[in-house]
Amino acid sequence: MRKKKKIEPTPTVPIATRLFDEWWHFKALCGREQAIHLLSRAWDCHPSTIRDWAHIHDPEPREVAA
């Protein structure tokens, strides 16, 4: 079994910036739900963690009642 590579912060690019950039990239390519699952695998965390982060930083549009 392959050992997962941990994503480490670099001095020039903070983790939050990397996650934000990756979020927009994956969301544009394959949609919100698929991006959540891909990023949760890449960042080795539960999908709800990424879903909560996305809810804060990129809220879904709300439907306006007529």
PDB file of N, CA and C in Angstrom:
ATOM      1  N   MET A   1       0.845  -1.182   0.000  1.00  0.00           N
ATOM      2  CA  MET A   1       0.000   0.000   0.000  1.00  0.00           C
ATOM      3  C   MET A   1       0.887   1.242   0.000  1.00  0.00           C
ATOM      4  N   ARG A   2       0.532   2.182  -0.871  1.00  0.00           N
ATOM      5  CA  ARG A   2       1.320   3.405  -0.947  1.00  0.00           C
ATOM      6  C   ARG A   2       1.051   4.311   0.231  1.00  0.00           C
ATOM      7  N   LYS A   3       2.104   4.904   0.726  1.00  0.00           N
ATOM      8  CA  LYS A   3       1.970   5.849   1.823  1.00  0.00           C
ATOM      9  C   LYS A   3       1.501   7.192   1.258  1.00  0.00           C
ATOM     10  N   LYS A   4       0.517   7.794   1.915  1.00  0.00           N
ATOM     11  CA  LYS A   4       0.006   9.082   1.450  1.00  0.00           C
ATOM     12  C   LYS A   4       1.034  10.173   1.700  1.00  0.00           C
ATOM     13  N   LYS A   5       1.154  11.040   0.725  1.00  0.00           N
ATOM     14  CA  LYS A   5       2.057  12.171   0.856  1.00  0.00           C
ATOM     15  C   LYS A   5       1.308  13.305   1.541  1.00  0.00           C
ATOM     16  N   LYS A   6       1.846  13.768   2.636  1.00  0.00           N
ATOM     17  CA  LYS A   6       1.232  14.880   3.360  1.00  0.00           C
ATOM     18  C   LYS A   6       1.556  16.191   2.656  1.00  0.00           C
ATOM     19  N   ILE A   7       0.603  17.066   2.613  1.00  0.00           N
ATOM     20  CA  ILE A   7       0.821  18.391   2.044  1.00  0.00           C
ATOM     21  C   ILE A   7       1.381  19.277   3.154  1.00  0.00           C
ATOM     22  N   GLU A   8       2.561  19.755   2.913  1.00  0.00           N
ATOM     23  CA  GLU A   8       3.236  20.590   3.907  1.00  0.00           C
ATOM     24  C   GLU A   8       3.176  22.053   3.472  1.00  0.00           C
ATOM     25  N   PRO A   9       3.077  22.961   4.438  1.00  0.00           N
ATOM     26  CA  PRO A   9       3.102  24.378   4.083  1.00  0.00           C
ATOM     27  C   PRO A   9       4.491  24.780   3.599  1.00  0.00           C
ATOM     28  N   THR A  10       4.543  25.698   2.684  1.00  0.00           N
ATOM     29  CA  THR A  10       5.826  26.225   2.234  1.00  0.00           C
ATOM     30  C   THR A  10       5.947  27.644   2.760  1.00  0.00           C
ATOM     31  N   PRO A  11       7.165  28.129   2.897  1.00  0.00           N
ATOM     32  CA  PRO A  11       7.325  29.481   3.449  1.00  0.00           C
ATOM     33  C   PRO A  11       6.677  30.566   2.595  1.00  0.00           C
ATOM     34  N   THR A  12       6.564  30.331   1.291  1.00  0.00           N
ATOM     35  CA  THR A  12       6.033  31.384   0.423  1.00  0.00           C
ATOM     36  C   THR A  12       4.525  31.287   0.202  1.00  0.00           C
ATOM     37  N   VAL A  13       3.952  30.081   0.340  1.00  0.00           N
ATOM     38  CA  VAL A  13       2.521  29.907   0.079  1.00  0.00           C
ATOM     39  C   VAL A  13       1.865  29.234   1.284  1.00  0.00           C
ATOM     40  N   PRO A  14       1.052  29.965   2.049  1.00  0.00           N
ATOM     41  CA  PRO A  14       0.375  29.361   3.202  1.00  0.00           C
ATOM     42  C   PRO A  14      -0.640  28.301   2.765  1.00  0.00           C
ATOM     43  N   ILE A  15      -0.950  27.382   3.669  1.00  0.00           N
ATOM     44  CA  ILE A  15      -1.902  26.307   3.381  1.00  0.00           C
ATOM     45  C   ILE A  15      -3.251  26.874   2.951  1.00  0.00           C
ATOM     46  N   ALA A  16      -3.727  27.908   3.612  1.00  0.00           N
ATOM     47  CA  ALA A  16      -5.040  28.471   3.280  1.00  0.00           C
ATOM     48  C   ALA A  16      -5.077  28.960   1.833  1.00  0.00           C
ATOM     49  N   THR A  17      -3.999  29.568   1.373  1.00  0.00           N
ATOM     50  CA  THR A  17      -3.935  30.052  -0.002  1.00  0.00           C
ATOM     51  C   THR A  17      -3.931  28.889  -0.982  1.00  0.00           C
ATOM     52  N   ARG A  18      -3.179  27.842  -0.663  1.00  0.00           N
ATOM     53  CA  ARG A  18      -3.130  26.669  -1.539  1.00  0.00           C
ATOM     54  C   ARG A  18      -4.502  26.003  -1.629  1.00  0.00           C
ATOM     55  N   LEU A  19      -5.172  25.859  -0.485  1.00  0.00           N
ATOM     56  CA  LEU A  19      -6.498  25.242  -0.489  1.00  0.00           C
ATOM     57  C   LEU A  19      -7.472  26.083  -1.303  1.00  0.00           C
ATOM     58  N   PHE A  20      -7.420  27.395  -1.124  1.00  0.00           N
ATOM     59  CA  PHE A  20      -8.314  28.290  -1.854  1.00  0.00           C
ATOM     60  C   PHE A  20      -8.085  28.171  -3.358  1.00  0.00           C
ATOM     61  N   ASP A  21      -6.823  28.154  -3.803  1.00  0.00           N
ATOM     62  CA  ASP A  21      -6.503  28.021  -5.227  1.00  0.00           C
ATOM     63  C   ASP A  21      -6.964  26.674  -5.775  1.00  0.00           C
ATOM     64  N   GLU A  22      -6.709  25.609  -5.021  1.00  0.00           N
ATOM     65  CA  GLU A  22      -7.121  24.280  -5.464  1.00  0.00           C
ATOM     66  C   GLU A  22      -8.645  24.165  -5.508  1.00  0.00           C
ATOM     67  N   TRP A  23      -9.318  24.792  -4.544  1.00  0.00           N
ATOM     68  CA  TRP A  23     -10.781  24.752  -4.517  1.00  0.00           C
ATOM     69  C   TRP A  23     -11.353  25.333  -5.806  1.00  0.00           C
ATOM     70  N   TRP A  24     -10.915  26.524  -6.200  1.00  0.00           N
ATOM     71  CA  TRP A  24     -11.452  27.166  -7.400  1.00  0.00           C
ATOM     72  C   TRP A  24     -11.110  26.372  -8.650  1.00  0.00           C
ATOM     73  N   HIS A  25      -9.912  25.782  -8.685  1.00  0.00           N
ATOM     74  CA  HIS A  25      -9.501  24.983  -9.834  1.00  0.00           C
ATOM     75  C   HIS A  25     -10.404  23.756  -9.990  1.00  0.00           C
ATOM     76  N   PHE A  26     -10.547  22.964  -8.917  1.00  0.00           N
ATOM     77  CA  PHE A  26     -11.352  21.748  -8.990  1.00  0.00           C
ATOM     78  C   PHE A  26     -12.836  22.054  -9.175  1.00  0.00           C
ATOM     79  N   LYS A  27     -13.326  23.096  -8.534  1.00  0.00           N
ATOM     80  CA  LYS A  27     -14.743  23.444  -8.667  1.00  0.00           C
ATOM     81  C   LYS A  27     -15.064  23.825 -10.110  1.00  0.00           C
ATOM     82  N   ALA A  28     -14.166  24.560 -10.743  1.00  0.00           N
ATOM     83  CA  ALA A  28     -14.385  24.950 -12.136  1.00  0.00           C
ATOM     84  C   ALA A  28     -14.345  23.742 -13.067  1.00  0.00           C
ATOM     85  N   LEU A  29     -13.478  22.783 -12.769  1.00  0.00           N
ATOM     86  CA  LEU A  29     -13.337  21.618 -13.641  1.00  0.00           C
ATOM     87  C   LEU A  29     -14.455  20.598 -13.484  1.00  0.00           C
ATOM     88  N   CYS A  30     -14.836  20.301 -12.229  1.00  0.00           N
ATOM     89  CA  CYS A  30     -15.740  19.160 -12.049  1.00  0.00           C
ATOM     90  C   CYS A  30     -16.925  19.424 -11.127  1.00  0.00           C
ATOM     91  N   GLY A  31     -17.132  20.638 -10.706  1.00  0.00           N
ATOM     92  CA  GLY A  31     -18.296  20.937  -9.882  1.00  0.00           C
ATOM     93  C   GLY A  31     -18.013  20.875  -8.389  1.00  0.00           C
ATOM     94  N   ARG A  32     -18.941  21.408  -7.628  1.00  0.00           N
ATOM     95  CA  ARG A  32     -18.769  21.580  -6.182  1.00  0.00           C
ATOM     96  C   ARG A  32     -18.607  20.261  -5.424  1.00  0.00           C
ATOM     97  N   GLU A  33     -19.532  19.321  -5.601  1.00  0.00           N
ATOM     98  CA  GLU A  33     -19.489  18.075  -4.817  1.00  0.00           C
ATOM     99  C   GLU A  33     -18.262  17.236  -5.142  1.00  0.00           C
ATOM    100  N   GLN A  34     -17.936  17.129  -6.427  1.00  0.00           N
ATOM    101  CA  GLN A  34     -16.756  16.348  -6.807  1.00  0.00           C
ATOM    102  C   GLN A  34     -15.490  17.029  -6.291  1.00  0.00           C
ATOM    103  N   ALA A  35     -15.441  18.347  -6.314  1.00  0.00           N
ATOM    104  CA  ALA A  35     -14.283  19.071  -5.787  1.00  0.00           C
ATOM    105  C   ALA A  35     -14.113  18.805  -4.296  1.00  0.00           C
ATOM    106  N   ILE A  36     -15.213  18.741  -3.563  1.00  0.00           N
ATOM    107  CA  ILE A  36     -15.151  18.453  -2.127  1.00  0.00           C
ATOM    108  C   ILE A  36     -14.506  17.093  -1.892  1.00  0.00           C
ATOM    109  N   HIS A  37     -14.917  16.088  -2.645  1.00  0.00           N
ATOM    110  CA  HIS A  37     -14.376  14.741  -2.448  1.00  0.00           C
ATOM    111  C   HIS A  37     -12.922  14.636  -2.901  1.00  0.00           C
ATOM    112  N   LEU A  38     -12.578  15.279  -4.004  1.00  0.00           N
ATOM    113  CA  LEU A  38     -11.191  15.243  -4.469  1.00  0.00           C
ATOM    114  C   LEU A  38     -10.258  15.940  -3.484  1.00  0.00           C
ATOM    115  N   LEU A  39     -10.677  17.092  -2.984  1.00  0.00           N
ATOM    116  CA  LEU A  39      -9.830  17.813  -2.030  1.00  0.00           C
ATOM    117  C   LEU A  39      -9.735  17.095  -0.690  1.00  0.00           C
ATOM    118  N   SER A  40     -10.800  16.433  -0.269  1.00  0.00           N
ATOM    119  CA  SER A  40     -10.728  15.698   1.001  1.00  0.00           C
ATOM    120  C   SER A  40      -9.730  14.553   0.891  1.00  0.00           C
ATOM    121  N   ARG A  41      -9.656  13.920  -0.279  1.00  0.00           N
ATOM    122  CA  ARG A  41      -8.648  12.869  -0.471  1.00  0.00           C
ATOM    123  C   ARG A  41      -7.249  13.463  -0.547  1.00  0.00           C
ATOM    124  N   ALA A  42      -7.103  14.570  -1.263  1.00  0.00           N
ATOM    125  CA  ALA A  42      -5.784  15.189  -1.422  1.00  0.00           C
ATOM    126  C   ALA A  42      -5.245  15.734  -0.100  1.00  0.00           C
ATOM    127  N   TRP A  43      -6.117  16.283   0.729  1.00  0.00           N
ATOM    128  CA  TRP A  43      -5.701  16.888   1.988  1.00  0.00           C
ATOM    129  C   TRP A  43      -5.839  15.924   3.164  1.00  0.00           C
ATOM    130  N   ASP A  44      -6.243  14.684   2.896  1.00  0.00           N
ATOM    131  CA  ASP A  44      -6.339  13.631   3.910  1.00  0.00           C
ATOM    132  C   ASP A  44      -7.232  14.048   5.083  1.00  0.00           C
ATOM    133  N   CYS A  45      -8.462  14.438   4.745  1.00  0.00           N
ATOM    134  CA  CYS A  45      -9.419  14.819   5.779  1.00  0.00           C
ATOM    135  C   CYS A  45     -10.811  14.342   5.364  1.00  0.00           C
ATOM    136  N   HIS A  46     -11.757  14.478   6.241  1.00  0.00           N
ATOM    137  CA  HIS A  46     -13.130  14.048   5.963  1.00  0.00           C
ATOM    138  C   HIS A  46     -13.791  15.057   5.021  1.00  0.00           C
ATOM    139  N   PRO A  47     -14.648  14.595   4.113  1.00  0.00           N
ATOM    140  CA  PRO A  47     -15.326  15.524   3.204  1.00  0.00           C
ATOM    141  C   PRO A  47     -16.095  16.638   3.916  1.00  0.00           C
ATOM    142  N   SER A  48     -16.618  16.360   5.111  1.00  0.00           N
ATOM    143  CA  SER A  48     -17.364  17.405   5.822  1.00  0.00           C
ATOM    144  C   SER A  48     -16.462  18.576   6.210  1.00  0.00           C
ATOM    145  N   THR A  49     -15.179  18.317   6.406  1.00  0.00           N
ATOM    146  CA  THR A  49     -14.239  19.394   6.724  1.00  0.00           C
ATOM    147  C   THR A  49     -14.134  20.357   5.548  1.00  0.00           C
ATOM    148  N   ILE A  50     -13.964  19.818   4.354  1.00  0.00           N
ATOM    149  CA  ILE A  50     -13.876  20.656   3.154  1.00  0.00           C
ATOM    150  C   ILE A  50     -15.226  21.303   2.868  1.00  0.00           C
ATOM    151  N   ARG A  51     -16.314  20.567   3.081  1.00  0.00           N
ATOM    152  CA  ARG A  51     -17.661  21.114   2.851  1.00  0.00           C
ATOM    153  C   ARG A  51     -17.914  22.308   3.774  1.00  0.00           C
ATOM    154  N   ASP A  52     -17.514  22.195   5.048  1.00  0.00           N
ATOM    155  CA  ASP A  52     -17.671  23.307   5.992  1.00  0.00           C
ATOM    156  C   ASP A  52     -16.818  24.495   5.571  1.00  0.00           C
ATOM    157  N   TRP A  53     -15.582  24.219   5.152  1.00  0.00           N
ATOM    158  CA  TRP A  53     -14.690  25.286   4.705  1.00  0.00           C
ATOM    159  C   TRP A  53     -15.305  25.995   3.490  1.00  0.00           C
ATOM    160  N   ALA A  54     -15.819  25.210   2.536  1.00  0.00           N
ATOM    161  CA  ALA A  54     -16.410  25.780   1.326  1.00  0.00           C
ATOM    162  C   ALA A  54     -17.662  26.592   1.654  1.00  0.00           C
ATOM    163  N   HIS A  55     -18.432  26.134   2.633  1.00  0.00           N
ATOM    164  CA  HIS A  55     -19.644  26.862   3.030  1.00  0.00           C
ATOM    165  C   HIS A  55     -19.294  28.259   3.552  1.00  0.00           C
ATOM    166  N   ILE A  56     -18.161  28.378   4.218  1.00  0.00           N
ATOM    167  CA  ILE A  56     -17.726  29.667   4.763  1.00  0.00           C
ATOM    168  C   ILE A  56     -17.111  30.543   3.675  1.00  0.00           C
ATOM    169  N   HIS A  57     -16.202  29.982   2.873  1.00  0.00           N
ATOM    170  CA  HIS A  57     -15.413  30.774   1.932  1.00  0.00           C
ATOM    171  C   HIS A  57     -16.029  30.903   0.540  1.00  0.00           C
ATOM    172  N   ASP A  58     -16.955  30.018   0.200  1.00  0.00           N
ATOM    173  CA  ASP A  58     -17.614  30.078  -1.105  1.00  0.00           C
ATOM    174  C   ASP A  58     -19.054  29.604  -0.943  1.00  0.00           C
ATOM    175  N   PRO A  59     -19.886  30.411  -0.281  1.00  0.00           N
ATOM    176  CA  PRO A  59     -21.263  29.976  -0.029  1.00  0.00           C
ATOM    177  C   PRO A  59     -22.030  29.771  -1.333  1.00  0.00           C
ATOM    178  N   GLU A  60     -22.902  28.771  -1.315  1.00  0.00           N
ATOM    179  CA  GLU A  60     -23.745  28.509  -2.480  1.00  0.00           C
ATOM    180  C   GLU A  60     -24.776  29.626  -2.594  1.00  0.00           C
ATOM    181  N   PRO A  61     -25.167  29.961  -3.819  1.00  0.00           N
ATOM    182  CA  PRO A  61     -26.195  30.997  -3.973  1.00  0.00           C
ATOM    183  C   PRO A  61     -27.516  30.553  -3.352  1.00  0.00           C
ATOM    184  N   ARG A  62     -28.153  31.456  -2.671  1.00  0.00           N
ATOM    185  CA  ARG A  62     -29.438  31.157  -2.035  1.00  0.00           C
ATOM    186  C   ARG A  62     -30.563  31.509  -2.985  1.00  0.00           C
ATOM    187  N   GLU A  63     -31.598  30.699  -2.946  1.00  0.00           N
ATOM    188  CA  GLU A  63     -32.763  30.995  -3.774  1.00  0.00           C
ATOM    189  C   GLU A  63     -33.581  32.086  -3.095  1.00  0.00           C
ATOM    190  N   VAL A  64     -33.993  33.049  -3.880  1.00  0.00           N
ATOM    191  CA  VAL A  64     -34.775  34.161  -3.352  1.00  0.00           C
ATOM    192  C   VAL A  64     -36.252  33.836  -3.531  1.00  0.00           C
ATOM    193  N   ALA A  65     -37.013  33.932  -2.445  1.00  0.00           N
ATOM    194  CA  ALA A  65     -38.452  33.670  -2.517  1.00  0.00           C
ATOM    195  C   ALA A  65     -39.136  34.810  -3.268  1.00  0.00           C
ATOM    196  N   ALA A  66     -40.052  34.464  -4.121  1.00  0.00           N
ATOM    197  CA  ALA A  66     -40.734  35.489  -4.923  1.00  0.00           C
ATOM    198  C   ALA A  66     -41.789  36.203  -4.124  1.00  0.00           C
TER     199      ALA A  66
END
